[in-house]
Amino acid sequence: MRNVTVSIPEELARWARIWAAEHDSSVSGLLSRLLQEKMESESRYQSSMDSFLSRSATNLSDGASYPSRDSLYE
């Protein structure tokens, strides 16, 4: 584990200490979980974006019609 110093307003620090105590945790544990969740969310988003962008484009100029709205939402 690495120690990191964070500066936050006193009111926010008070709320975080109370919330952590009510949930049998620490402010450090709370911040660690929140940052871990954010990192995982960003990673899932990036993976989804990479997957989407790796698809080949559909050429509609060869007389093909556009997909129907219903088929797009299936």
N, C-alpha and C. Protein backbone atom coordinates (compact mmCIF):
# COMPACT_ATOMS: atom_id res chain seq x y z
N MET A 1 0.84 -1.19 0.00
CA MET A 1 0.00 0.00 0.00
C MET A 1 0.88 1.25 0.00
N ARG A 2 0.38 2.25 -0.65
CA ARG A 2 1.09 3.53 -0.73
C ARG A 2 0.28 4.57 0.04
N ASN A 3 0.94 5.38 0.83
CA ASN A 3 0.28 6.47 1.54
C ASN A 3 0.18 7.69 0.63
N VAL A 4 -0.99 8.32 0.64
CA VAL A 4 -1.24 9.51 -0.16
C VAL A 4 -1.92 10.54 0.73
N THR A 5 -1.49 11.78 0.65
CA THR A 5 -2.11 12.85 1.42
C THR A 5 -3.15 13.53 0.54
N VAL A 6 -4.35 13.69 1.09
CA VAL A 6 -5.45 14.32 0.35
C VAL A 6 -5.96 15.49 1.18
N SER A 7 -6.15 16.63 0.53
CA SER A 7 -6.71 17.80 1.21
C SER A 7 -8.16 17.97 0.78
N ILE A 8 -9.05 17.98 1.78
CA ILE A 8 -10.48 18.16 1.50
C ILE A 8 -11.05 19.13 2.53
N PRO A 9 -12.17 19.74 2.22
CA PRO A 9 -12.79 20.66 3.18
C PRO A 9 -13.17 19.94 4.47
N GLU A 10 -13.13 20.66 5.57
CA GLU A 10 -13.41 20.08 6.89
C GLU A 10 -14.78 19.43 6.94
N GLU A 11 -15.80 20.05 6.36
CA GLU A 11 -17.15 19.48 6.37
C GLU A 11 -17.19 18.13 5.67
N LEU A 12 -16.48 18.02 4.56
CA LEU A 12 -16.42 16.76 3.82
C LEU A 12 -15.66 15.71 4.63
N ALA A 13 -14.59 16.10 5.27
CA ALA A 13 -13.82 15.18 6.10
C ALA A 13 -14.67 14.66 7.26
N ARG A 14 -15.43 15.54 7.87
CA ARG A 14 -16.31 15.14 8.98
C ARG A 14 -17.34 14.13 8.49
N TRP A 15 -17.97 14.43 7.34
CA TRP A 15 -18.96 13.50 6.79
C TRP A 15 -18.33 12.15 6.48
N ALA A 16 -17.13 12.15 5.88
CA ALA A 16 -16.45 10.92 5.52
C ALA A 16 -16.11 10.08 6.75
N ARG A 17 -15.67 10.73 7.82
CA ARG A 17 -15.35 9.99 9.06
C ARG A 17 -16.60 9.35 9.64
N ILE A 18 -17.70 10.09 9.63
CA ILE A 18 -18.97 9.56 10.17
C ILE A 18 -19.46 8.40 9.31
N TRP A 19 -19.46 8.58 7.98
CA TRP A 19 -19.92 7.53 7.08
C TRP A 19 -19.08 6.27 7.26
N ALA A 20 -17.77 6.45 7.31
CA ALA A 20 -16.88 5.31 7.46
C ALA A 20 -17.13 4.58 8.78
N ALA A 21 -17.32 5.32 9.85
CA ALA A 21 -17.58 4.70 11.16
C ALA A 21 -18.90 3.93 11.13
N GLU A 22 -19.91 4.49 10.49
CA GLU A 22 -21.21 3.82 10.40
C GLU A 22 -21.14 2.54 9.57
N HIS A 23 -20.16 2.44 8.70
CA HIS A 23 -20.03 1.28 7.82
C HIS A 23 -18.81 0.42 8.17
N ASP A 24 -18.38 0.52 9.42
CA ASP A 24 -17.24 -0.27 9.92
C ASP A 24 -16.05 -0.21 8.96
N SER A 25 -15.70 0.99 8.56
CA SER A 25 -14.61 1.19 7.62
C SER A 25 -13.78 2.38 8.09
N SER A 26 -12.88 2.80 7.25
CA SER A 26 -12.08 3.99 7.51
C SER A 26 -12.20 4.91 6.32
N VAL A 27 -11.82 6.15 6.48
CA VAL A 27 -11.84 7.09 5.36
C VAL A 27 -10.88 6.57 4.28
N SER A 28 -9.76 6.03 4.68
CA SER A 28 -8.81 5.47 3.73
C SER A 28 -9.44 4.33 2.94
N GLY A 29 -10.15 3.45 3.64
CA GLY A 29 -10.83 2.33 2.97
C GLY A 29 -11.92 2.81 2.03
N LEU A 30 -12.66 3.83 2.46
CA LEU A 30 -13.72 4.42 1.63
C LEU A 30 -13.12 4.97 0.34
N LEU A 31 -12.07 5.78 0.46
CA LEU A 31 -11.44 6.36 -0.73
C LEU A 31 -10.84 5.29 -1.63
N SER A 32 -10.26 4.28 -1.03
CA SER A 32 -9.67 3.20 -1.80
C SER A 32 -10.73 2.48 -2.63
N ARG A 33 -11.88 2.17 -2.01
CA ARG A 33 -12.96 1.49 -2.74
C ARG A 33 -13.52 2.38 -3.84
N LEU A 34 -13.73 3.66 -3.54
CA LEU A 34 -14.27 4.57 -4.56
C LEU A 34 -13.33 4.70 -5.75
N LEU A 35 -12.05 4.83 -5.49
CA LEU A 35 -11.08 4.95 -6.58
C LEU A 35 -10.97 3.65 -7.38
N GLN A 36 -11.05 2.51 -6.68
CA GLN A 36 -11.00 1.21 -7.36
C GLN A 36 -12.21 1.07 -8.29
N GLU A 37 -13.40 1.44 -7.79
CA GLU A 37 -14.61 1.36 -8.62
C GLU A 37 -14.51 2.28 -9.83
N LYS A 38 -13.97 3.48 -9.65
CA LYS A 38 -13.80 4.42 -10.75
C LYS A 38 -12.82 3.86 -11.78
N MET A 39 -11.72 3.28 -11.32
CA MET A 39 -10.74 2.71 -12.23
C MET A 39 -11.34 1.57 -13.04
N GLU A 40 -12.11 0.69 -12.39
CA GLU A 40 -12.74 -0.43 -13.09
C GLU A 40 -13.79 0.06 -14.09
N SER A 41 -14.54 1.08 -13.71
CA SER A 41 -15.54 1.65 -14.61
C SER A 41 -14.88 2.23 -15.86
N GLU A 42 -13.81 2.97 -15.67
CA GLU A 42 -13.08 3.55 -16.80
C GLU A 42 -12.52 2.45 -17.70
N SER A 43 -12.03 1.39 -17.09
CA SER A 43 -11.47 0.28 -17.85
C SER A 43 -12.54 -0.41 -18.68
N ARG A 44 -13.72 -0.65 -18.08
CA ARG A 44 -14.83 -1.27 -18.81
C ARG A 44 -15.28 -0.39 -19.96
N TYR A 45 -15.35 0.92 -19.71
CA TYR A 45 -15.74 1.86 -20.76
C TYR A 45 -14.75 1.81 -21.91
N GLN A 46 -13.46 1.84 -21.60
CA GLN A 46 -12.44 1.82 -22.64
C GLN A 46 -12.49 0.52 -23.43
N SER A 47 -12.72 -0.61 -22.75
CA SER A 47 -12.83 -1.88 -23.45
C SER A 47 -14.02 -1.89 -24.39
N SER A 48 -15.15 -1.35 -23.93
CA SER A 48 -16.34 -1.28 -24.77
C SER A 48 -16.10 -0.38 -25.98
N MET A 49 -15.45 0.75 -25.76
CA MET A 49 -15.17 1.67 -26.85
C MET A 49 -14.23 1.02 -27.86
N ASP A 50 -13.18 0.35 -27.39
CA ASP A 50 -12.25 -0.34 -28.28
C ASP A 50 -12.97 -1.41 -29.10
N SER A 51 -13.86 -2.16 -28.45
CA SER A 51 -14.62 -3.19 -29.15
C SER A 51 -15.50 -2.58 -30.23
N PHE A 52 -16.19 -1.51 -29.90
CA PHE A 52 -17.07 -0.84 -30.86
C PHE A 52 -16.26 -0.30 -32.05
N LEU A 53 -15.16 0.35 -31.76
CA LEU A 53 -14.36 0.96 -32.82
C LEU A 53 -13.62 -0.06 -33.67
N SER A 54 -13.48 -1.28 -33.19
CA SER A 54 -12.79 -2.30 -33.97
C SER A 54 -13.71 -2.96 -35.00
N ARG A 55 -15.00 -2.69 -34.93
CA ARG A 55 -15.93 -3.24 -35.92
C ARG A 55 -15.66 -2.61 -37.28
N SER A 56 -15.91 -3.37 -38.32
CA SER A 56 -15.74 -2.80 -39.65
C SER A 56 -16.96 -1.95 -40.00
N ALA A 57 -16.71 -0.94 -40.79
CA ALA A 57 -17.79 -0.03 -41.18
C ALA A 57 -18.71 -0.72 -42.19
N THR A 58 -19.96 -0.33 -42.18
CA THR A 58 -20.93 -0.84 -43.14
C THR A 58 -21.06 0.16 -44.27
N ASN A 59 -20.82 -0.31 -45.48
CA ASN A 59 -20.91 0.55 -46.64
C ASN A 59 -22.35 0.56 -47.14
N LEU A 60 -23.00 1.70 -47.07
CA LEU A 60 -24.40 1.81 -47.50
C LEU A 60 -24.53 2.40 -48.90
N SER A 61 -23.42 2.70 -49.53
CA SER A 61 -23.51 3.32 -50.85
C SER A 61 -23.68 2.30 -51.97
N ASP A 62 -23.64 1.03 -51.67
CA ASP A 62 -23.80 -0.02 -52.69
C ASP A 62 -25.25 -0.39 -52.89
N GLY A 63 -26.15 0.53 -52.64
CA GLY A 63 -27.57 0.25 -52.81
C GLY A 63 -28.21 -0.40 -51.60
N ALA A 64 -27.42 -0.66 -50.57
CA ALA A 64 -27.99 -1.25 -49.36
C ALA A 64 -28.82 -0.21 -48.64
N SER A 65 -29.87 -0.65 -48.01
CA SER A 65 -30.72 0.29 -47.29
C SER A 65 -30.25 0.40 -45.84
N TYR A 66 -30.64 1.47 -45.23
CA TYR A 66 -30.30 1.66 -43.82
C TYR A 66 -31.06 0.64 -42.98
N PRO A 67 -30.46 0.23 -41.87
CA PRO A 67 -31.18 -0.70 -40.99
C PRO A 67 -32.41 -0.01 -40.40
N SER A 68 -33.41 -0.80 -40.08
CA SER A 68 -34.63 -0.23 -39.48
C SER A 68 -34.33 0.19 -38.05
N ARG A 69 -35.11 1.10 -37.57
CA ARG A 69 -34.94 1.57 -36.19
C ARG A 69 -35.10 0.42 -35.20
N ASP A 70 -36.12 -0.43 -35.44
CA ASP A 70 -36.35 -1.57 -34.54
C ASP A 70 -35.15 -2.51 -34.50
N SER A 71 -34.54 -2.77 -35.65
CA SER A 71 -33.41 -3.70 -35.65
C SER A 71 -32.21 -3.12 -34.93
N LEU A 72 -32.08 -1.80 -34.93
CA LEU A 72 -30.98 -1.16 -34.21
C LEU A 72 -31.13 -1.29 -32.71
N TYR A 73 -32.35 -1.34 -32.22
CA TYR A 73 -32.59 -1.37 -30.79
C TYR A 73 -32.80 -2.79 -30.26
N GLU A 74 -32.62 -3.80 -31.10
CA GLU A 74 -32.76 -5.18 -30.63
C GLU A 74 -31.52 -5.66 -29.94
